[in-house]
Amino acid sequence: MPTIATNTRVSREELLEFVRTRHHLVLVTRRSDGSPQLSPVTGGVDGDGRIVVSTYPDRAKTTNLRRDQRASVLVLSEEWNDAWVQVDGSAEVLDMPSQEAEDGLVEYFRCISGEHPDWEEYRQAMRKQGKSLLRITPERWGPVAIGGFPPDRAPD
């Protein structure tokens, strides 16, 4: 039986529910010349409904977002042929050693992996590594899509 392509429009809450369980993302930022910079990242959804990504302050994605806050995220499912969605929004960059960045990195870990066995050890590691947190506020999103044949072109 061939797979039929689907596009399901979703509300903001349905979008966040979809993204919360998927952590493989492709983040798109813009280089200084306007061309796209794509980065495979691990992400989650924080308590305020923002897509969060842990990174370092000198990465291309971070540099790009400091200059131009526009970001797009392609959220993929575990299986290649499963559902996906594109989310567009504005991003902010939080850097260690700020308390907001540290607390945000704790929430980032929690929304992806659950509880850490030693939160002080984790916080200390984030401070030592000088991590940054990207928070992307969803402003627009496409339908949740699954690839396949258009219904009128599926083989019998």
Protein backbone atom coordinates (compact mmCIF):
# COMPACT_ATOMS: atom_id res chain seq x y z
CA MET A 1 0.00 0.00 0.00
CA PRO A 2 1.59 3.34 -1.00
CA THR A 3 1.98 6.16 1.50
CA ILE A 4 -0.29 9.11 0.80
CA ALA A 5 1.14 12.56 1.60
CA THR A 6 -0.66 14.53 4.29
CA ASN A 7 -0.55 18.14 5.53
CA THR A 8 -2.32 18.77 8.81
CA ARG A 9 -2.79 22.36 9.99
CA VAL A 10 -2.34 22.60 13.76
CA SER A 11 -2.91 25.14 16.50
CA ARG A 12 -0.03 26.51 18.55
CA GLU A 13 -0.73 24.01 21.35
CA GLU A 14 -0.89 21.11 18.89
CA LEU A 15 2.38 22.30 17.35
CA LEU A 16 4.12 22.41 20.73
CA GLU A 17 2.76 18.97 21.62
CA PHE A 18 4.21 17.65 18.34
CA VAL A 19 7.61 19.31 18.85
CA ARG A 20 7.98 18.30 22.54
CA THR A 21 8.47 14.64 21.65
CA ARG A 22 10.93 15.28 18.80
CA HIS A 23 14.48 16.41 19.45
CA HIS A 24 16.17 16.17 16.01
CA LEU A 25 16.07 19.61 14.43
CA VAL A 26 17.69 21.52 11.62
CA LEU A 27 18.15 25.16 12.58
CA VAL A 28 18.32 27.73 9.79
CA THR A 29 19.92 31.11 10.46
CA ARG A 30 21.16 33.77 8.07
CA ARG A 31 24.78 34.56 7.30
CA SER A 32 25.84 38.22 6.98
CA ASP A 33 25.34 38.00 3.19
CA GLY A 34 21.76 36.73 3.72
CA SER A 35 22.44 33.17 2.61
CA PRO A 36 21.14 30.33 4.81
CA GLN A 37 23.28 28.61 7.45
CA LEU A 38 21.92 25.17 8.40
CA SER A 39 22.85 23.43 11.63
CA PRO A 40 21.69 20.00 12.85
CA VAL A 41 20.86 20.46 16.54
CA THR A 42 19.16 18.79 19.48
CA GLY A 43 16.26 20.82 20.82
CA GLY A 44 13.27 20.85 23.09
CA VAL A 45 10.37 23.05 24.18
CA ASP A 46 10.61 25.06 27.38
CA GLY A 47 7.77 25.87 29.76
CA ASP A 48 6.97 29.08 27.86
CA GLY A 49 6.56 27.27 24.53
CA ARG A 50 9.90 28.33 23.04
CA ILE A 51 12.13 25.95 21.11
CA VAL A 52 15.43 25.73 23.02
CA VAL A 53 18.88 24.70 21.80
CA SER A 54 22.14 24.48 23.72
CA THR A 55 25.25 25.72 21.92
CA TYR A 56 28.42 27.77 22.31
CA PRO A 57 28.79 31.54 21.96
CA ASP A 58 31.20 31.40 19.00
CA ARG A 59 29.25 29.01 16.74
CA ALA A 60 28.00 30.31 13.38
CA LYS A 61 24.36 29.89 14.40
CA THR A 62 24.91 31.97 17.53
CA THR A 63 26.81 34.70 15.70
CA ASN A 64 24.13 34.82 13.02
CA LEU A 65 21.29 35.07 15.56
CA ARG A 66 22.99 37.91 17.42
CA ARG A 67 22.94 39.87 14.15
CA ASP A 68 19.57 38.71 12.78
CA GLN A 69 17.04 37.15 15.17
CA ARG A 70 15.05 35.42 12.43
CA ALA A 71 15.26 31.64 12.71
CA SER A 72 13.58 28.65 11.11
CA VAL A 73 13.57 25.16 12.54
CA LEU A 74 12.77 21.95 10.72
CA VAL A 75 11.53 19.48 13.33
CA LEU A 76 12.04 15.88 12.24
CA SER A 77 10.65 12.63 13.58
CA GLU A 78 12.88 9.71 14.57
CA GLU A 79 11.98 7.84 11.38
CA TRP A 80 13.04 9.51 8.14
CA ASN A 81 9.65 9.04 6.42
CA ASP A 82 7.59 10.18 9.40
CA ALA A 83 5.99 13.53 10.18
CA TRP A 84 7.84 16.86 10.21
CA VAL A 85 7.07 20.56 10.52
CA GLN A 86 8.79 23.88 9.82
CA VAL A 87 8.62 26.55 12.53
CA ASP A 88 9.64 30.18 11.96
CA GLY A 89 10.26 32.66 14.73
CA SER A 90 12.55 35.08 16.47
CA ALA A 91 15.46 33.93 18.59
CA GLU A 92 17.30 35.25 21.58
CA VAL A 93 20.77 34.22 22.73
CA LEU A 94 21.51 33.79 26.43
CA ASP A 95 25.12 33.35 27.50
CA MET A 96 26.73 31.96 30.61
CA PRO A 97 27.46 33.05 33.26
CA SER A 98 24.05 34.75 33.49
CA GLN A 99 21.57 33.15 35.87
CA GLU A 100 18.90 33.25 33.15
CA ALA A 101 21.14 31.21 30.81
CA GLU A 102 22.03 28.75 33.57
CA ASP A 103 18.40 28.21 34.56
CA GLY A 104 17.43 27.95 30.89
CA LEU A 105 20.07 25.28 30.28
CA VAL A 106 18.66 23.29 33.20
CA GLU A 107 15.19 23.53 31.66
CA TYR A 108 16.66 22.56 28.25
CA PHE A 109 18.14 19.38 29.76
CA ARG A 110 14.88 18.57 31.56
CA CYS A 111 12.67 18.91 28.49
CA ILE A 112 14.88 16.51 26.53
CA SER A 113 16.29 14.05 29.07
CA GLY A 114 14.34 14.48 32.30
CA GLU A 115 16.02 14.85 35.67
CA HIS A 116 19.80 15.00 36.02
CA PRO A 117 21.32 12.93 38.85
CA ASP A 118 23.31 15.96 40.11
CA TRP A 119 22.03 19.39 39.10
CA GLU A 120 24.90 21.25 40.74
CA GLU A 121 27.38 19.17 38.74
CA TYR A 122 25.42 19.96 35.55
CA ARG A 123 25.31 23.71 36.34
CA GLN A 124 29.03 23.69 37.06
CA ALA A 125 29.73 21.96 33.73
CA MET A 126 27.63 24.56 31.87
CA ARG A 127 29.54 27.38 33.58
CA LYS A 128 32.92 25.75 32.85
CA GLN A 129 32.01 25.14 29.19
CA GLY A 130 30.68 28.69 28.81
CA LYS A 131 27.53 27.45 27.10
CA SER A 132 24.85 29.53 25.40
CA LEU A 133 21.13 28.89 25.09
CA LEU A 134 19.06 29.75 22.03
CA ARG A 135 15.35 30.37 22.63
CA ILE A 136 13.15 30.57 19.54
CA THR A 137 9.63 31.91 19.92
CA PRO A 138 7.35 30.28 17.31
CA GLU A 139 5.58 32.95 15.25
CA ARG A 140 4.56 30.96 12.19
CA TRP A 141 4.52 27.29 11.29
CA GLY A 142 3.54 25.10 8.42
CA PRO A 143 1.29 22.12 8.59
CA VAL A 144 2.60 18.92 10.11
CA ALA A 145 3.47 16.97 6.99
CA ILE A 146 4.16 13.39 5.97
CA GLY A 147 5.66 12.79 2.55
CA GLY A 148 4.28 10.37 0.02
CA PHE A 149 2.24 10.27 -3.11
CA PRO A 150 -0.37 12.94 -3.83
CA PRO A 151 -3.74 11.21 -3.38
CA ASP A 152 -4.57 11.47 -7.08
CA ARG A 153 -1.23 9.96 -8.18
CA ALA A 154 -0.81 7.01 -5.87
CA PRO A 155 -0.18 3.72 -7.69
CA ASP A 156 -2.88 1.10 -7.41
